[in-house]
Amino acid sequence: MKRLTSLFGTIALALCAGALFLAQASAFSVAVPHYVDPVSTVAADCYAVGQRVAAQNGGTLAKASSATRGGQAVCVIVVLVPGKEGERPRRAEIVVPQG
C-alpha cells in the first residue's frame, strides 16, 4: 500500500510539473507583442530626405533629425555647403515637411 501511495504521489507531481511547464510555454508565445519602432523609420526617412537636399544644394549632409514645428512633423536638415574661393564651408539649416 505504501508503494502504491508513493507511486500516485510521483505521478501527481509529474503531472503538476508538466502542466506548469505547458502553462509557461503557452504564456511565452502569447506575451510577446509585435512591436514596430516608429522612431527609426522616421529617422531613416529624414536621413534620405537630407541626402537628397544635400545633393540638390551641392553640399554634404551634416545632420538630419525629425521635429515638430507648429504642430506639424518636419525634418530638420543641416547641410555644409562649400565656401567660395577656399573659404570655410557654410552651414545651411533647411526645414522640410515630413512625408
C-alpha atoms as a PDB file:
ATOM      1  CA  MET A   1       0.000   0.000   0.000  1.00  0.00           C
ATOM      2  CA  LYS A   2       2.861   2.343   0.790  1.00  0.00           C
ATOM      3  CA  ARG A   3       4.332   1.639  -2.613  1.00  0.00           C
ATOM      4  CA  LEU A   4       1.021   2.467  -4.347  1.00  0.00           C
ATOM      5  CA  THR A   5       0.694   5.764  -2.432  1.00  0.00           C
ATOM      6  CA  SER A   6       4.260   6.660  -3.315  1.00  0.00           C
ATOM      7  CA  LEU A   7       3.594   5.865  -6.991  1.00  0.00           C
ATOM      8  CA  PHE A   8       0.459   8.053  -7.036  1.00  0.00           C
ATOM      9  CA  GLY A   9       2.405  10.887  -5.379  1.00  0.00           C
ATOM     10  CA  THR A  10       5.141  10.646  -8.010  1.00  0.00           C
ATOM     11  CA  ILE A  11       2.609  10.611 -10.856  1.00  0.00           C
ATOM     12  CA  ALA A  12       0.721  13.578  -9.401  1.00  0.00           C
ATOM     13  CA  LEU A  13       3.956  15.522  -9.025  1.00  0.00           C
ATOM     14  CA  ALA A  14       4.951  14.739 -12.627  1.00  0.00           C
ATOM     15  CA  LEU A  15       1.530  15.817 -13.915  1.00  0.00           C
ATOM     16  CA  CYS A  16       1.672  19.090 -11.979  1.00  0.00           C
ATOM     17  CA  ALA A  17       5.175  19.835 -13.247  1.00  0.00           C
ATOM     18  CA  GLY A  18       4.112  19.067 -16.819  1.00  0.00           C
ATOM     19  CA  ALA A  19       1.045  21.286 -16.531  1.00  0.00           C
ATOM     20  CA  LEU A  20       3.153  24.101 -15.103  1.00  0.00           C
ATOM     21  CA  PHE A  21       5.650  23.772 -17.943  1.00  0.00           C
ATOM     22  CA  LEU A  22       2.886  23.850 -20.581  1.00  0.00           C
ATOM     23  CA  ALA A  23       1.264  26.865 -18.940  1.00  0.00           C
ATOM     24  CA  GLN A  24       4.560  28.767 -19.008  1.00  0.00           C
ATOM     25  CA  ALA A  25       5.290  27.730 -22.590  1.00  0.00           C
ATOM     26  CA  SER A  26       1.909  28.949 -23.803  1.00  0.00           C
ATOM     27  CA  ALA A  27       2.278  32.189 -21.806  1.00  0.00           C
ATOM     28  CA  PHE A  28       5.566  32.978 -23.546  1.00  0.00           C
ATOM     29  CA  SER A  29       4.058  32.711 -27.016  1.00  0.00           C
ATOM     30  CA  VAL A  30       1.100  34.929 -26.056  1.00  0.00           C
ATOM     31  CA  ALA A  31       3.049  37.530 -24.070  1.00  0.00           C
ATOM     32  CA  VAL A  32       5.400  38.585 -26.893  1.00  0.00           C
ATOM     33  CA  PRO A  33       3.763  41.510 -28.763  1.00  0.00           C
ATOM     34  CA  HIS A  34       4.675  42.570 -32.279  1.00  0.00           C
ATOM     35  CA  TYR A  35       6.345  45.975 -31.940  1.00  0.00           C
ATOM     36  CA  VAL A  36       7.499  48.277 -34.711  1.00  0.00           C
ATOM     37  CA  ASP A  37       9.730  51.172 -33.677  1.00  0.00           C
ATOM     38  CA  PRO A  38       8.343  54.316 -35.397  1.00  0.00           C
ATOM     39  CA  VAL A  39      11.336  56.461 -34.401  1.00  0.00           C
ATOM     40  CA  SER A  40      13.848  54.564 -36.509  1.00  0.00           C
ATOM     41  CA  THR A  41      11.534  54.668 -39.535  1.00  0.00           C
ATOM     42  CA  VAL A  42      11.131  58.439 -39.269  1.00  0.00           C
ATOM     43  CA  ALA A  43      14.854  58.954 -38.717  1.00  0.00           C
ATOM     44  CA  ALA A  44      15.637  56.872 -41.799  1.00  0.00           C
ATOM     45  CA  ASP A  45      13.131  58.913 -43.843  1.00  0.00           C
ATOM     46  CA  CYS A  46      14.668  62.201 -42.666  1.00  0.00           C
ATOM     47  CA  TYR A  47      18.133  60.889 -43.488  1.00  0.00           C
ATOM     48  CA  ALA A  48      17.026  60.010 -47.046  1.00  0.00           C
ATOM     49  CA  VAL A  49      15.432  63.456 -47.429  1.00  0.00           C
ATOM     50  CA  GLY A  50      18.643  65.022 -46.090  1.00  0.00           C
ATOM     51  CA  GLN A  51      20.773  63.168 -48.634  1.00  0.00           C
ATOM     52  CA  ARG A  52      18.545  64.436 -51.449  1.00  0.00           C
ATOM     53  CA  VAL A  53      18.558  68.047 -50.144  1.00  0.00           C
ATOM     54  CA  ALA A  54      22.358  67.990 -49.738  1.00  0.00           C
ATOM     55  CA  ALA A  55      22.804  66.748 -53.297  1.00  0.00           C
ATOM     56  CA  GLN A  56      20.485  69.472 -54.625  1.00  0.00           C
ATOM     57  CA  ASN A  57      22.469  72.160 -52.795  1.00  0.00           C
ATOM     58  CA  GLY A  58      25.887  70.785 -53.759  1.00  0.00           C
ATOM     59  CA  GLY A  59      26.902  70.146 -50.150  1.00  0.00           C
ATOM     60  CA  THR A  60      27.301  67.329 -47.680  1.00  0.00           C
ATOM     61  CA  LEU A  61      24.761  66.192 -45.124  1.00  0.00           C
ATOM     62  CA  ALA A  62      25.847  67.056 -41.577  1.00  0.00           C
ATOM     63  CA  LYS A  63      22.672  66.224 -39.642  1.00  0.00           C
ATOM     64  CA  ALA A  64      19.131  65.017 -40.243  1.00  0.00           C
ATOM     65  CA  SER A  65      16.576  64.899 -37.438  1.00  0.00           C
ATOM     66  CA  SER A  66      12.834  64.921 -37.004  1.00  0.00           C
ATOM     67  CA  ALA A  67      10.985  67.612 -35.071  1.00  0.00           C
ATOM     68  CA  THR A  68       7.540  69.117 -34.594  1.00  0.00           C
ATOM     69  CA  ARG A  69       7.029  72.743 -35.555  1.00  0.00           C
ATOM     70  CA  GLY A  70       3.643  74.392 -35.430  1.00  0.00           C
ATOM     71  CA  GLY A  71       2.009  71.006 -34.763  1.00  0.00           C
ATOM     72  CA  GLN A  72       3.419  69.576 -37.999  1.00  0.00           C
ATOM     73  CA  ALA A  73       6.092  66.866 -38.271  1.00  0.00           C
ATOM     74  CA  VAL A  74       9.154  68.155 -40.127  1.00  0.00           C
ATOM     75  CA  CYS A  75      12.705  67.062 -40.925  1.00  0.00           C
ATOM     76  CA  VAL A  76      15.449  69.471 -39.888  1.00  0.00           C
ATOM     77  CA  ILE A  77      18.328  69.073 -42.330  1.00  0.00           C
ATOM     78  CA  VAL A  78      21.776  70.616 -41.804  1.00  0.00           C
ATOM     79  CA  VAL A  79      23.923  70.837 -44.934  1.00  0.00           C
ATOM     80  CA  LEU A  80      27.532  72.009 -45.198  1.00  0.00           C
ATOM     81  CA  VAL A  81      27.863  73.966 -48.447  1.00  0.00           C
ATOM     82  CA  PRO A  82      31.426  74.572 -49.723  1.00  0.00           C
ATOM     83  CA  GLY A  83      32.644  78.164 -49.390  1.00  0.00           C
ATOM     84  CA  LYS A  84      33.722  80.306 -52.318  1.00  0.00           C
ATOM     85  CA  GLU A  85      37.422  80.705 -53.168  1.00  0.00           C
ATOM     86  CA  GLY A  86      38.738  78.442 -50.406  1.00  0.00           C
ATOM     87  CA  GLU A  87      36.610  79.866 -47.603  1.00  0.00           C
ATOM     88  CA  ARG A  88      35.178  77.709 -44.842  1.00  0.00           C
ATOM     89  CA  PRO A  89      32.014  75.766 -45.680  1.00  0.00           C
ATOM     90  CA  ARG A  90      28.860  77.478 -44.575  1.00  0.00           C
ATOM     91  CA  ARG A  91      26.163  75.764 -42.563  1.00  0.00           C
ATOM     92  CA  ALA A  92      22.643  75.775 -44.028  1.00  0.00           C
ATOM     93  CA  GLU A  93      19.682  74.553 -41.970  1.00  0.00           C
ATOM     94  CA  ILE A  94      16.717  73.542 -44.093  1.00  0.00           C
ATOM     95  CA  VAL A  95      13.312  72.517 -42.693  1.00  0.00           C
ATOM     96  CA  VAL A  96      11.330  70.130 -44.911  1.00  0.00           C
ATOM     97  CA  PRO A  97       7.816  68.787 -44.202  1.00  0.00           C
ATOM     98  CA  GLN A  98       7.936  65.110 -43.331  1.00  0.00           C
ATOM     99  CA  GLY A  99       6.299  62.613 -45.650  1.00  0.00           C
END
